[in-house]
Every structure is written in C-alpha cells, then in structure tokens.
Amino acid sequence: MNPDAVMCRLGMPRYYCKLFLDRIKPLKRGAIIKQIRLLYETDLAIKSGRTEAVIGLQNLILNLCRPVN
C-alpha cells in the first residue's frame, strides 16, 4: 500500500505515514501479526485485571523491542 493510501485511510500526516511504512517494511507479515497479538493480549490482561497497567505496558515494550526472528 502506498503512503498516500495509508495516510487517507488512517488520517495520518504524510511525514509520519512514511516513517511508519519505512519502519515496518523489513518486517514479515507473521512478525507484525505476532506484535499485534501481543498488544491485544496486553490490553486484555490490563482490562481484565490480570496485570497492572504499568507492568503490562512495560512487558509489552520489552517484548516489542526484542529482535524479530
């Protein structure tokens, strides 16, 4: 998808859209899906009370910053 299409769809400024697309370009689809799943699981854990928000977000950031295999 080109930056203009993403920008229109998300309502994102072109500059940030390009930065975002450049950042995710080297990632494979499976890696992106895995990161979205981590975000979903963290959100669910926080909202269900299984973890405190600060701890959950810290763990999410640590997991997202790990090198992608």
C-alpha atoms as a PDB file:
ATOM      1  CA  MET A   1       0.000   0.000   0.000  1.00  0.00           C
ATOM      2  CA  ASN A   2       1.415   3.404  -0.860  1.00  0.00           C
ATOM      3  CA  PRO A   3       1.863   6.184   1.733  1.00  0.00           C
ATOM      4  CA  ASP A   4      -0.945   8.304   0.270  1.00  0.00           C
ATOM      5  CA  ALA A   5      -3.472   5.473   0.592  1.00  0.00           C
ATOM      6  CA  VAL A   6      -2.414   4.747   4.183  1.00  0.00           C
ATOM      7  CA  MET A   7      -2.455   8.437   5.041  1.00  0.00           C
ATOM      8  CA  CYS A   8      -6.005   8.856   3.730  1.00  0.00           C
ATOM      9  CA  ARG A   9      -7.237   5.718   5.426  1.00  0.00           C
ATOM     10  CA  LEU A  10      -5.717   6.478   8.832  1.00  0.00           C
ATOM     11  CA  GLY A  11      -5.941  10.259   8.716  1.00  0.00           C
ATOM     12  CA  MET A  12      -2.206  10.375   9.365  1.00  0.00           C
ATOM     13  CA  PRO A  13       0.121  13.183   8.215  1.00  0.00           C
ATOM     14  CA  ARG A  14       2.195  12.095   5.200  1.00  0.00           C
ATOM     15  CA  TYR A  15       5.525  12.510   7.027  1.00  0.00           C
ATOM     16  CA  TYR A  16       4.549  10.155   9.862  1.00  0.00           C
ATOM     17  CA  CYS A  17       2.925   7.731   7.486  1.00  0.00           C
ATOM     18  CA  LYS A  18       6.171   7.452   5.511  1.00  0.00           C
ATOM     19  CA  LEU A  19       8.186   6.956   8.712  1.00  0.00           C
ATOM     20  CA  PHE A  20       5.796   4.233   9.805  1.00  0.00           C
ATOM     21  CA  LEU A  21       5.869   2.422   6.460  1.00  0.00           C
ATOM     22  CA  ASP A  22       9.669   2.626   6.293  1.00  0.00           C
ATOM     23  CA  ARG A  23       9.871   1.178   9.809  1.00  0.00           C
ATOM     24  CA  ILE A  24       7.635  -1.822   9.118  1.00  0.00           C
ATOM     25  CA  LYS A  25       8.904  -2.546   5.596  1.00  0.00           C
ATOM     26  CA  PRO A  26      11.587  -5.045   6.724  1.00  0.00           C
ATOM     27  CA  LEU A  27       9.124  -6.908   8.957  1.00  0.00           C
ATOM     28  CA  LYS A  28       7.409 -10.001   7.711  1.00  0.00           C
ATOM     29  CA  ARG A  29       3.648 -10.365   7.932  1.00  0.00           C
ATOM     30  CA  GLY A  30       3.950 -13.029  10.639  1.00  0.00           C
ATOM     31  CA  ALA A  31       6.073 -10.739  12.811  1.00  0.00           C
ATOM     32  CA  ILE A  32       3.554  -7.914  12.503  1.00  0.00           C
ATOM     33  CA  ILE A  33       0.703 -10.266  13.411  1.00  0.00           C
ATOM     34  CA  LYS A  34       2.674 -11.517  16.427  1.00  0.00           C
ATOM     35  CA  GLN A  35       3.215  -7.940  17.639  1.00  0.00           C
ATOM     36  CA  ILE A  36      -0.447  -7.066  17.208  1.00  0.00           C
ATOM     37  CA  ARG A  37      -1.343 -10.218  19.161  1.00  0.00           C
ATOM     38  CA  LEU A  38       0.998  -9.121  21.988  1.00  0.00           C
ATOM     39  CA  LEU A  39      -0.737  -5.745  22.043  1.00  0.00           C
ATOM     40  CA  TYR A  40      -4.152  -7.424  22.160  1.00  0.00           C
ATOM     41  CA  GLU A  41      -3.117  -9.819  24.944  1.00  0.00           C
ATOM     42  CA  THR A  42      -1.643  -6.953  26.984  1.00  0.00           C
ATOM     43  CA  ASP A  43      -4.813  -4.896  26.556  1.00  0.00           C
ATOM     44  CA  LEU A  44      -6.944  -7.845  27.627  1.00  0.00           C
ATOM     45  CA  ALA A  45      -4.741  -8.590  30.651  1.00  0.00           C
ATOM     46  CA  ILE A  46      -4.915  -4.977  31.821  1.00  0.00           C
ATOM     47  CA  LYS A  47      -8.659  -4.616  31.292  1.00  0.00           C
ATOM     48  CA  SER A  48      -9.429  -7.943  32.980  1.00  0.00           C
ATOM     49  CA  GLY A  49      -7.270  -7.081  35.982  1.00  0.00           C
ATOM     50  CA  ARG A  50      -4.758  -9.901  35.444  1.00  0.00           C
ATOM     51  CA  THR A  51      -1.938  -7.348  35.416  1.00  0.00           C
ATOM     52  CA  GLU A  52      -1.415  -3.754  36.438  1.00  0.00           C
ATOM     53  CA  ALA A  53      -1.293  -1.254  33.585  1.00  0.00           C
ATOM     54  CA  VAL A  54       2.288  -0.107  34.210  1.00  0.00           C
ATOM     55  CA  ILE A  55       3.638  -3.663  34.447  1.00  0.00           C
ATOM     56  CA  GLY A  56       1.679  -4.782  31.402  1.00  0.00           C
ATOM     57  CA  LEU A  57       2.888  -1.880  29.280  1.00  0.00           C
ATOM     58  CA  GLN A  58       6.496  -2.335  30.422  1.00  0.00           C
ATOM     59  CA  ASN A  59       6.360  -6.001  29.444  1.00  0.00           C
ATOM     60  CA  LEU A  60       4.759  -5.127  26.112  1.00  0.00           C
ATOM     61  CA  ILE A  61       7.515  -2.639  25.293  1.00  0.00           C
ATOM     62  CA  LEU A  62      10.214  -5.146  26.239  1.00  0.00           C
ATOM     63  CA  ASN A  63       8.615  -7.805  24.041  1.00  0.00           C
ATOM     64  CA  LEU A  64       8.131  -5.449  21.094  1.00  0.00           C
ATOM     65  CA  CYS A  65      11.766  -4.307  21.282  1.00  0.00           C
ATOM     66  CA  ARG A  66      13.142  -7.843  21.031  1.00  0.00           C
ATOM     67  CA  PRO A  67      14.772  -8.732  17.731  1.00  0.00           C
ATOM     68  CA  VAL A  68      12.351 -10.374  15.316  1.00  0.00           C
ATOM     69  CA  ASN A  69      13.262 -13.941  14.359  1.00  0.00           C
END
